[in-house]
C-alpha cells in the first residue's frame, strides 16, 4: 500500500496564540501534578476504570486546583476567563464539579483545551441539573481525542477505529489498538472527516450500544457515504454499553477484533466500499 503524504497545511488555523498556549500547558502540568492530592480521583481512575499509572501519565490526567487565587499566580486570569475555565467572578465549574481533568490536544500535540468530568452519581447530577462532562472553550468539531498519540498508527494501518468517549480510546490504545480516536460524543463533523481522511481510507465506527450511538450511525452514513472513504460500522455484543465496558470486563485485543468482525446483519447494508 502506498503511504499517504501528510502535510501540516491546517496546523495553525485554529491554534491558540503563544501566550494562551503556554498558559494552557502550565495549567495541564499543574492539574496533573495535583492529582496526587485527590484520593477520590485516583481511586476512580485505578479501581473503577482500571487505568495503569502509565496510562494516567501518558494522558496527563489531572485534578483541577481548588484554590483559584493560587492558580492565577501561575496561569493568566485573562486566559482562564477567555477559555471559560473560570468566570468573571473568579468561580470555576471545574473546581466545583468537573475536577477530574483530561487535557485536550490537536493531532500535533498542541494543547487546545481541557475536558472535566464530575464524579457525582447520575442521581446527584440530576438533582442539581449538571452534565457528566464540561469543556473549556474550543472547537469541538475539530477535536479528536487521542489523535496526537495515534496518527502514525492510523497512517500505517490505513484504518482508524472511531469511538465516543475518552475512556473508550484510552482502553483501545492501552490494548495495543493504537489506530484509534474518540469524537467526544456522537457528533462526527466534516472537519473530523477531512482530518482523518488525510491519514486513512477506512473509518471503522464503534459507537455506544445505546439510542444515541445507533442514531449517530445512521446520520454519519447518510452524510459521509460515497465520499471516497470506506465506512465500516461495527457493534460490540449488546451486553456491553461501550468499548470501555468491554475491556473493563477483561476482554483482550483479539476478543475485540473478533467481536467486531462478527458482522451485524442490520448494519450490513450500511457499509460502502
C-alpha atoms as a PDB file:
ATOM      1  CA  UNK A   1       0.000   0.000   0.000  1.00  0.00           C
ATOM      2  CA  UNK A   2       1.319   3.441  -0.899  1.00  0.00           C
ATOM      3  CA  UNK A   3       1.693   5.594   2.195  1.00  0.00           C
ATOM      4  CA  UNK A   4      -0.174   8.869   2.252  1.00  0.00           C
ATOM      5  CA  UNK A   5       1.828  12.086   2.156  1.00  0.00           C
ATOM      6  CA  UNK A   6       0.691  14.117   5.141  1.00  0.00           C
ATOM      7  CA  UNK A   7       1.426  17.817   5.277  1.00  0.00           C
ATOM      8  CA  UNK A   8       0.514  20.164   8.144  1.00  0.00           C
ATOM      9  CA  UNK A   9      -1.450  22.528   5.925  1.00  0.00           C
ATOM     10  CA  UNK A  10      -4.087  23.365   8.531  1.00  0.00           C
ATOM     11  CA  UNK A  11      -1.927  23.044  11.594  1.00  0.00           C
ATOM     12  CA  UNK A  12      -2.163  26.592  12.900  1.00  0.00           C
ATOM     13  CA  UNK A  13      -5.556  27.693  11.631  1.00  0.00           C
ATOM     14  CA  UNK A  14      -7.288  27.218  14.989  1.00  0.00           C
ATOM     15  CA  UNK A  15      -4.240  27.329  17.279  1.00  0.00           C
ATOM     16  CA  UNK A  16      -4.093  29.443  20.422  1.00  0.00           C
ATOM     17  CA  UNK A  17      -1.681  32.351  20.476  1.00  0.00           C
ATOM     18  CA  UNK A  18       1.656  31.605  22.105  1.00  0.00           C
ATOM     19  CA  UNK A  19       0.762  33.208  25.439  1.00  0.00           C
ATOM     20  CA  UNK A  20      -2.505  31.275  25.810  1.00  0.00           C
ATOM     21  CA  UNK A  21      -0.838  28.058  24.694  1.00  0.00           C
ATOM     22  CA  UNK A  22       1.851  28.487  27.340  1.00  0.00           C
ATOM     23  CA  UNK A  23      -0.807  29.195  29.979  1.00  0.00           C
ATOM     24  CA  UNK A  24      -2.741  26.087  28.979  1.00  0.00           C
ATOM     25  CA  UNK A  25       0.387  23.939  29.088  1.00  0.00           C
ATOM     26  CA  UNK A  26       1.093  25.282  32.595  1.00  0.00           C
ATOM     27  CA  UNK A  27      -2.483  24.538  33.704  1.00  0.00           C
ATOM     28  CA  UNK A  28      -2.220  20.974  32.399  1.00  0.00           C
ATOM     29  CA  UNK A  29       1.026  20.437  34.305  1.00  0.00           C
ATOM     30  CA  UNK A  30      -0.470  21.878  37.500  1.00  0.00           C
ATOM     31  CA  UNK A  31      -3.582  19.687  37.239  1.00  0.00           C
ATOM     32  CA  UNK A  32      -1.553  16.557  36.531  1.00  0.00           C
ATOM     33  CA  UNK A  33       0.817  17.236  39.417  1.00  0.00           C
ATOM     34  CA  UNK A  34      -2.173  17.977  41.652  1.00  0.00           C
ATOM     35  CA  UNK A  35      -3.764  14.559  41.028  1.00  0.00           C
ATOM     36  CA  UNK A  36      -1.845  13.097  43.965  1.00  0.00           C
ATOM     37  CA  UNK A  37      -3.900  15.381  46.227  1.00  0.00           C
ATOM     38  CA  UNK A  38      -7.199  13.729  45.295  1.00  0.00           C
ATOM     39  CA  UNK A  39      -7.585  10.188  46.647  1.00  0.00           C
ATOM     40  CA  UNK A  40     -11.106  10.204  45.178  1.00  0.00           C
ATOM     41  CA  UNK A  41      -9.868  10.793  41.632  1.00  0.00           C
ATOM     42  CA  UNK A  42      -7.002   8.319  41.995  1.00  0.00           C
ATOM     43  CA  UNK A  43      -9.356   5.618  43.297  1.00  0.00           C
ATOM     44  CA  UNK A  44     -11.794   6.302  40.460  1.00  0.00           C
ATOM     45  CA  UNK A  45      -9.104   6.045  37.778  1.00  0.00           C
ATOM     46  CA  UNK A  46      -7.375   2.985  39.204  1.00  0.00           C
ATOM     47  CA  UNK A  47     -10.209   0.999  40.755  1.00  0.00           C
ATOM     48  CA  UNK A  48     -13.342   1.996  38.841  1.00  0.00           C
ATOM     49  CA  UNK A  49     -11.672   2.468  35.457  1.00  0.00           C
ATOM     50  CA  UNK A  50      -8.700   0.155  35.814  1.00  0.00           C
ATOM     51  CA  UNK A  51      -6.170   2.617  34.434  1.00  0.00           C
ATOM     52  CA  UNK A  52      -2.485   1.986  34.974  1.00  0.00           C
ATOM     53  CA  UNK A  53      -0.012   4.564  36.241  1.00  0.00           C
ATOM     54  CA  UNK A  54       1.461   4.589  32.735  1.00  0.00           C
ATOM     55  CA  UNK A  55      -1.904   5.471  31.181  1.00  0.00           C
ATOM     56  CA  UNK A  56      -2.556   8.240  33.708  1.00  0.00           C
ATOM     57  CA  UNK A  57       0.887   9.661  32.932  1.00  0.00           C
ATOM     58  CA  UNK A  58       0.533   9.284  29.156  1.00  0.00           C
ATOM     59  CA  UNK A  59      -2.726  11.210  29.002  1.00  0.00           C
ATOM     60  CA  UNK A  60      -1.709  13.704  31.723  1.00  0.00           C
ATOM     61  CA  UNK A  61      -4.990  13.202  33.590  1.00  0.00           C
ATOM     62  CA  UNK A  62      -5.252  15.626  36.495  1.00  0.00           C
ATOM     63  CA  UNK A  63      -7.156  17.161  39.378  1.00  0.00           C
ATOM     64  CA  UNK A  64      -8.277  20.778  38.960  1.00  0.00           C
ATOM     65  CA  UNK A  65      -6.944  23.104  41.711  1.00  0.00           C
ATOM     66  CA  UNK A  66      -9.458  24.166  44.333  1.00  0.00           C
ATOM     67  CA  UNK A  67      -7.691  27.464  45.122  1.00  0.00           C
ATOM     68  CA  UNK A  68      -8.355  29.768  42.146  1.00  0.00           C
ATOM     69  CA  UNK A  69      -6.417  32.672  43.652  1.00  0.00           C
ATOM     70  CA  UNK A  70      -3.329  30.489  43.893  1.00  0.00           C
ATOM     71  CA  UNK A  71      -3.879  29.176  40.355  1.00  0.00           C
ATOM     72  CA  UNK A  72      -3.940  32.695  38.878  1.00  0.00           C
ATOM     73  CA  UNK A  73      -0.448  33.298  40.247  1.00  0.00           C
ATOM     74  CA  UNK A  74       0.807  30.802  37.659  1.00  0.00           C
ATOM     75  CA  UNK A  75      -1.796  30.947  34.877  1.00  0.00           C
ATOM     76  CA  UNK A  76      -3.107  34.192  33.404  1.00  0.00           C
ATOM     77  CA  UNK A  77      -6.575  35.048  34.663  1.00  0.00           C
ATOM     78  CA  UNK A  78      -7.357  36.509  31.224  1.00  0.00           C
ATOM     79  CA  UNK A  79      -6.593  33.159  29.581  1.00  0.00           C
ATOM     80  CA  UNK A  80      -8.699  31.235  32.087  1.00  0.00           C
ATOM     81  CA  UNK A  81     -11.626  33.606  31.508  1.00  0.00           C
ATOM     82  CA  UNK A  82     -11.300  33.548  27.731  1.00  0.00           C
ATOM     83  CA  UNK A  83     -11.308  29.755  27.716  1.00  0.00           C
ATOM     84  CA  UNK A  84     -14.321  29.720  30.106  1.00  0.00           C
ATOM     85  CA  UNK A  85     -12.364  27.833  32.726  1.00  0.00           C
ATOM     86  CA  UNK A  86     -13.221  30.482  35.325  1.00  0.00           C
ATOM     87  CA  UNK A  87     -15.903  33.162  35.178  1.00  0.00           C
ATOM     88  CA  UNK A  88     -15.504  36.899  35.753  1.00  0.00           C
ATOM     89  CA  UNK A  89     -16.263  36.415  39.453  1.00  0.00           C
ATOM     90  CA  UNK A  90     -13.367  34.010  39.799  1.00  0.00           C
ATOM     91  CA  UNK A  91     -15.543  30.916  40.184  1.00  0.00           C
ATOM     92  CA  UNK A  92     -14.930  27.724  38.262  1.00  0.00           C
ATOM     93  CA  UNK A  93     -17.222  24.823  37.420  1.00  0.00           C
ATOM     94  CA  UNK A  94     -14.070  22.746  37.064  1.00  0.00           C
ATOM     95  CA  UNK A  95     -13.115  23.405  40.693  1.00  0.00           C
ATOM     96  CA  UNK A  96     -16.677  22.875  41.939  1.00  0.00           C
ATOM     97  CA  UNK A  97     -17.888  19.912  39.898  1.00  0.00           C
ATOM     98  CA  UNK A  98     -15.652  18.846  36.995  1.00  0.00           C
ATOM     99  CA  UNK A  99     -12.364  18.435  38.794  1.00  0.00           C
ATOM    100  CA  UNK A 100     -11.164  15.249  37.052  1.00  0.00           C
ATOM    101  CA  UNK A 101      -9.371  16.833  34.105  1.00  0.00           C
ATOM    102  CA  UNK A 102      -8.372  15.442  30.705  1.00  0.00           C
ATOM    103  CA  UNK A 103      -6.041  17.656  28.659  1.00  0.00           C
ATOM    104  CA  UNK A 104      -7.096  18.069  25.031  1.00  0.00           C
ATOM    105  CA  UNK A 105      -4.553  18.240  22.225  1.00  0.00           C
ATOM    106  CA  UNK A 106      -4.697  18.540  18.465  1.00  0.00           C
ATOM    107  CA  UNK A 107      -3.061  15.883  16.300  1.00  0.00           C
ATOM    108  CA  UNK A 108       0.291  17.652  16.558  1.00  0.00           C
ATOM    109  CA  UNK A 109       0.361  17.529  20.344  1.00  0.00           C
ATOM    110  CA  UNK A 110      -0.515  21.201  20.847  1.00  0.00           C
ATOM    111  CA  UNK A 111      -2.908  21.905  23.754  1.00  0.00           C
ATOM    112  CA  UNK A 112      -6.336  23.231  22.776  1.00  0.00           C
ATOM    113  CA  UNK A 113      -8.361  22.928  25.998  1.00  0.00           C
ATOM    114  CA  UNK A 114      -9.443  20.744  28.884  1.00  0.00           C
ATOM    115  CA  UNK A 115     -12.310  18.347  29.468  1.00  0.00           C
ATOM    116  CA  UNK A 116     -13.596  17.911  33.023  1.00  0.00           C
ATOM    117  CA  UNK A 117     -15.620  15.033  34.455  1.00  0.00           C
ATOM    118  CA  UNK A 118     -17.721  15.053  37.580  1.00  0.00           C
ATOM    119  CA  UNK A 119     -17.567  12.056  39.902  1.00  0.00           C
ATOM    120  CA  UNK A 120     -21.140  12.586  41.088  1.00  0.00           C
ATOM    121  CA  UNK A 121     -23.630   9.785  40.559  1.00  0.00           C
ATOM    122  CA  UNK A 122     -26.363  10.164  37.946  1.00  0.00           C
ATOM    123  CA  UNK A 123     -28.879  10.781  40.748  1.00  0.00           C
ATOM    124  CA  UNK A 124     -26.757  13.530  42.276  1.00  0.00           C
ATOM    125  CA  UNK A 125     -26.257  15.185  38.896  1.00  0.00           C
ATOM    126  CA  UNK A 126     -29.945  15.127  38.120  1.00  0.00           C
ATOM    127  CA  UNK A 127     -30.750  16.766  41.442  1.00  0.00           C
ATOM    128  CA  UNK A 128     -28.630  19.828  40.667  1.00  0.00           C
ATOM    129  CA  UNK A 129     -29.024  19.722  36.889  1.00  0.00           C
ATOM    130  CA  UNK A 130     -25.485  19.308  35.607  1.00  0.00           C
ATOM    131  CA  UNK A 131     -23.986  17.198  32.826  1.00  0.00           C
ATOM    132  CA  UNK A 132     -21.360  14.500  33.298  1.00  0.00           C
ATOM    133  CA  UNK A 133     -18.707  16.426  31.349  1.00  0.00           C
ATOM    134  CA  UNK A 134     -17.751  20.063  30.869  1.00  0.00           C
ATOM    135  CA  UNK A 135     -15.352  21.539  28.313  1.00  0.00           C
ATOM    136  CA  UNK A 136     -13.316  24.686  28.158  1.00  0.00           C
ATOM    137  CA  UNK A 137     -13.890  26.781  25.036  1.00  0.00           C
ATOM    138  CA  UNK A 138     -12.539  25.148  21.873  1.00  0.00           C
ATOM    139  CA  UNK A 139     -13.842  23.942  18.525  1.00  0.00           C
ATOM    140  CA  UNK A 140     -15.227  20.550  19.469  1.00  0.00           C
ATOM    141  CA  UNK A 141     -15.938  19.716  15.842  1.00  0.00           C
ATOM    142  CA  UNK A 142     -12.186  19.998  15.191  1.00  0.00           C
ATOM    143  CA  UNK A 143     -11.006  17.780  18.052  1.00  0.00           C
ATOM    144  CA  UNK A 144     -10.360  14.044  18.087  1.00  0.00           C
ATOM    145  CA  UNK A 145      -9.261  12.782  21.493  1.00  0.00           C
ATOM    146  CA  UNK A 146      -6.131  10.623  21.315  1.00  0.00           C
ATOM    147  CA  UNK A 147      -5.247  11.696  17.763  1.00  0.00           C
ATOM    148  CA  UNK A 148      -1.897  13.064  18.928  1.00  0.00           C
ATOM    149  CA  UNK A 149      -0.949   9.544  20.040  1.00  0.00           C
ATOM    150  CA  UNK A 150      -2.471   7.634  17.112  1.00  0.00           C
ATOM    151  CA  UNK A 151      -1.890   9.417  13.824  1.00  0.00           C
ATOM    152  CA  UNK A 152       1.242   7.383  12.988  1.00  0.00           C
ATOM    153  CA  UNK A 153      -0.570   4.097  13.618  1.00  0.00           C
ATOM    154  CA  UNK A 154      -3.603   5.249  11.616  1.00  0.00           C
ATOM    155  CA  UNK A 155      -1.357   6.066   8.679  1.00  0.00           C
ATOM    156  CA  UNK A 156       0.460   2.735   8.905  1.00  0.00           C
ATOM    157  CA  UNK A 157      -2.728   0.632   9.271  1.00  0.00           C
ATOM    158  CA  UNK A 158      -4.808   2.668   6.794  1.00  0.00           C
ATOM    159  CA  UNK A 159      -7.720   2.211   9.198  1.00  0.00           C
ATOM    160  CA  UNK A 160      -8.977   4.216  12.164  1.00  0.00           C
ATOM    161  CA  UNK A 161     -11.275   2.976  14.923  1.00  0.00           C
ATOM    162  CA  UNK A 162     -13.634   5.776  15.930  1.00  0.00           C
ATOM    163  CA  UNK A 163     -15.378   5.582  19.302  1.00  0.00           C
ATOM    164  CA  UNK A 164     -17.235   8.057  21.513  1.00  0.00           C
ATOM    165  CA  UNK A 165     -15.506   8.691  24.830  1.00  0.00           C
ATOM    166  CA  UNK A 166     -12.127   9.443  26.375  1.00  0.00           C
ATOM    167  CA  UNK A 167     -12.052   6.189  28.322  1.00  0.00           C
ATOM    168  CA  UNK A 168     -13.013   4.220  25.199  1.00  0.00           C
ATOM    169  CA  UNK A 169      -9.988   5.377  23.240  1.00  0.00           C
ATOM    170  CA  UNK A 170      -7.664   5.071  26.246  1.00  0.00           C
ATOM    171  CA  UNK A 171      -8.722   1.431  26.576  1.00  0.00           C
ATOM    172  CA  UNK A 172      -8.185   0.819  22.858  1.00  0.00           C
ATOM    173  CA  UNK A 173      -4.732   2.358  22.835  1.00  0.00           C
ATOM    174  CA  UNK A 174      -3.741   0.617  26.077  1.00  0.00           C
ATOM    175  CA  UNK A 175      -4.760  -2.701  24.485  1.00  0.00           C
ATOM    176  CA  UNK A 176      -2.399  -2.060  21.572  1.00  0.00           C
ATOM    177  CA  UNK A 177      -5.083  -0.819  19.191  1.00  0.00           C
ATOM    178  CA  UNK A 178      -3.154   2.357  18.560  1.00  0.00           C
ATOM    179  CA  UNK A 179      -5.042   3.435  15.422  1.00  0.00           C
ATOM    180  CA  UNK A 180      -7.991   4.870  17.351  1.00  0.00           C
ATOM    181  CA  UNK A 181      -9.610   8.199  18.246  1.00  0.00           C
ATOM    182  CA  UNK A 182     -12.665   9.440  20.129  1.00  0.00           C
ATOM    183  CA  UNK A 183     -15.123  12.079  18.917  1.00  0.00           C
ATOM    184  CA  UNK A 184     -16.125  13.013  22.497  1.00  0.00           C
ATOM    185  CA  UNK A 185     -19.809  12.312  21.902  1.00  0.00           C
ATOM    186  CA  UNK A 186     -21.815  11.226  18.869  1.00  0.00           C
ATOM    187  CA  UNK A 187     -21.174  14.238  16.634  1.00  0.00           C
ATOM    188  CA  UNK A 188     -18.901  13.338  13.727  1.00  0.00           C
ATOM    189  CA  UNK A 189     -18.189  16.530  11.775  1.00  0.00           C
ATOM    190  CA  UNK A 190     -16.943  17.416   8.315  1.00  0.00           C
ATOM    191  CA  UNK A 191     -13.718  18.609   9.920  1.00  0.00           C
ATOM    192  CA  UNK A 192     -13.293  15.240  11.665  1.00  0.00           C
ATOM    193  CA  UNK A 193     -13.808  13.549   8.311  1.00  0.00           C
ATOM    194  CA  UNK A 194     -11.278  15.738   6.492  1.00  0.00           C
ATOM    195  CA  UNK A 195      -8.612  15.417   9.206  1.00  0.00           C
ATOM    196  CA  UNK A 196      -8.848  11.632   9.350  1.00  0.00           C
ATOM    197  CA  UNK A 197      -9.066  11.230   5.566  1.00  0.00           C
ATOM    198  CA  UNK A 198      -5.560  12.656   5.330  1.00  0.00           C
ATOM    199  CA  UNK A 199      -4.314   9.571   7.186  1.00  0.00           C
ATOM    200  CA  UNK A 200      -6.653   6.717   6.236  1.00  0.00           C
ATOM    201  CA  UNK A 201      -9.038   5.458   3.562  1.00  0.00           C
ATOM    202  CA  UNK A 202     -11.000   3.326   6.040  1.00  0.00           C
ATOM    203  CA  UNK A 203     -13.052   4.532   9.028  1.00  0.00           C
ATOM    204  CA  UNK A 204     -14.353   1.882  11.437  1.00  0.00           C
ATOM    205  CA  UNK A 205     -17.008   3.283  13.787  1.00  0.00           C
ATOM    206  CA  UNK A 206     -17.563   1.531  17.126  1.00  0.00           C
ATOM    207  CA  UNK A 207     -20.097   3.769  18.839  1.00  0.00           C
ATOM    208  CA  UNK A 208     -22.020   3.110  22.045  1.00  0.00           C
ATOM    209  CA  UNK A 209     -24.742   0.479  22.231  1.00  0.00           C
ATOM    210  CA  UNK A 210     -27.474   2.979  23.044  1.00  0.00           C
ATOM    211  CA  UNK A 211     -30.039   5.008  21.129  1.00  0.00           C
ATOM    212  CA  UNK A 212     -27.652   7.929  20.690  1.00  0.00           C
ATOM    213  CA  UNK A 213     -24.935   5.765  19.210  1.00  0.00           C
ATOM    214  CA  UNK A 214     -27.257   3.941  16.844  1.00  0.00           C
ATOM    215  CA  UNK A 215     -28.882   7.189  15.678  1.00  0.00           C
ATOM    216  CA  UNK A 216     -25.423   8.603  15.030  1.00  0.00           C
ATOM    217  CA  UNK A 217     -24.569   5.615  12.827  1.00  0.00           C
ATOM    218  CA  UNK A 218     -27.476   6.402  10.509  1.00  0.00           C
ATOM    219  CA  UNK A 219     -26.629  10.107  10.465  1.00  0.00           C
ATOM    220  CA  UNK A 220     -22.946   9.539   9.714  1.00  0.00           C
ATOM    221  CA  UNK A 221     -23.664   7.014   6.990  1.00  0.00           C
ATOM    222  CA  UNK A 222     -26.141   9.348   5.287  1.00  0.00           C
ATOM    223  CA  UNK A 223     -23.787  12.328   5.450  1.00  0.00           C
ATOM    224  CA  UNK A 224     -20.456  10.735   4.544  1.00  0.00           C
ATOM    225  CA  UNK A 225     -21.107   7.707   2.337  1.00  0.00           C
ATOM    226  CA  UNK A 226     -19.888   7.941  -1.264  1.00  0.00           C
ATOM    227  CA  UNK A 227     -17.156  10.428  -0.290  1.00  0.00           C
ATOM    228  CA  UNK A 228     -14.267   8.173  -1.297  1.00  0.00           C
ATOM    229  CA  UNK A 229     -13.735   6.694   2.171  1.00  0.00           C
ATOM    230  CA  UNK A 230     -14.696   3.172   3.193  1.00  0.00           C
ATOM    231  CA  UNK A 231     -17.082   3.460   6.137  1.00  0.00           C
ATOM    232  CA  UNK A 232     -17.425   0.428   8.402  1.00  0.00           C
ATOM    233  CA  UNK A 233     -19.990   0.340  11.212  1.00  0.00           C
ATOM    234  CA  UNK A 234     -19.448  -2.249  13.929  1.00  0.00           C
ATOM    235  CA  UNK A 235     -21.164  -3.006  17.225  1.00  0.00           C
ATOM    236  CA  UNK A 236     -19.990  -4.900  20.274  1.00  0.00           C
ATOM    237  CA  UNK A 237     -22.240  -7.511  21.937  1.00  0.00           C
ATOM    238  CA  UNK A 238     -25.305  -5.777  23.341  1.00  0.00           C
ATOM    239  CA  UNK A 239     -24.439  -6.576  26.954  1.00  0.00           C
ATOM    240  CA  UNK A 240     -21.608  -4.031  26.721  1.00  0.00           C
ATOM    241  CA  UNK A 241     -22.530  -0.359  26.649  1.00  0.00           C
ATOM    242  CA  UNK A 242     -19.291   0.767  25.052  1.00  0.00           C
ATOM    243  CA  UNK A 243     -15.661  -0.035  24.296  1.00  0.00           C
ATOM    244  CA  UNK A 244     -14.519   0.850  27.810  1.00  0.00           C
ATOM    245  CA  UNK A 245     -17.011  -1.545  29.377  1.00  0.00           C
ATOM    246  CA  UNK A 246     -15.923  -4.318  27.008  1.00  0.00           C
ATOM    247  CA  UNK A 247     -12.284  -4.097  28.051  1.00  0.00           C
ATOM    248  CA  UNK A 248     -13.113  -3.462  31.709  1.00  0.00           C
ATOM    249  CA  UNK A 249     -14.813  -6.876  31.692  1.00  0.00           C
ATOM    250  CA  UNK A 250     -11.417  -8.448  30.987  1.00  0.00           C
ATOM    251  CA  UNK A 251     -11.556  -8.902  27.231  1.00  0.00           C
ATOM    252  CA  UNK A 252      -8.443  -8.747  25.070  1.00  0.00           C
ATOM    253  CA  UNK A 253      -7.414  -7.081  21.821  1.00  0.00           C
ATOM    254  CA  UNK A 254      -8.082 -10.342  19.989  1.00  0.00           C
ATOM    255  CA  UNK A 255     -11.518 -10.609  21.580  1.00  0.00           C
ATOM    256  CA  UNK A 256     -12.328  -7.075  20.494  1.00  0.00           C
ATOM    257  CA  UNK A 257     -11.302  -7.673  16.878  1.00  0.00           C
ATOM    258  CA  UNK A 258     -13.200 -10.964  16.750  1.00  0.00           C
ATOM    259  CA  UNK A 259     -16.330  -9.378  18.227  1.00  0.00           C
ATOM    260  CA  UNK A 260     -16.298  -6.608  15.627  1.00  0.00           C
ATOM    261  CA  UNK A 261     -15.838  -8.927  12.691  1.00  0.00           C
ATOM    262  CA  UNK A 262     -18.954 -10.910  13.570  1.00  0.00           C
ATOM    263  CA  UNK A 263     -20.983  -8.859  11.149  1.00  0.00           C
ATOM    264  CA  UNK A 264     -24.248  -7.282  12.295  1.00  0.00           C
ATOM    265  CA  UNK A 265     -26.875  -8.106   9.619  1.00  0.00           C
ATOM    266  CA  UNK A 266     -28.765  -4.920  10.379  1.00  0.00           C
ATOM    267  CA  UNK A 267     -25.704  -2.851   9.521  1.00  0.00           C
ATOM    268  CA  UNK A 268     -24.557  -4.851   6.507  1.00  0.00           C
ATOM    269  CA  UNK A 269     -26.282  -2.536   4.040  1.00  0.00           C
ATOM    270  CA  UNK A 270     -24.624   0.442   5.703  1.00  0.00           C
ATOM    271  CA  UNK A 271     -21.082  -0.400   4.627  1.00  0.00           C
ATOM    272  CA  UNK A 272     -19.980   1.343   1.456  1.00  0.00           C
ATOM    273  CA  UNK A 273     -16.953   0.093  -0.453  1.00  0.00           C
END
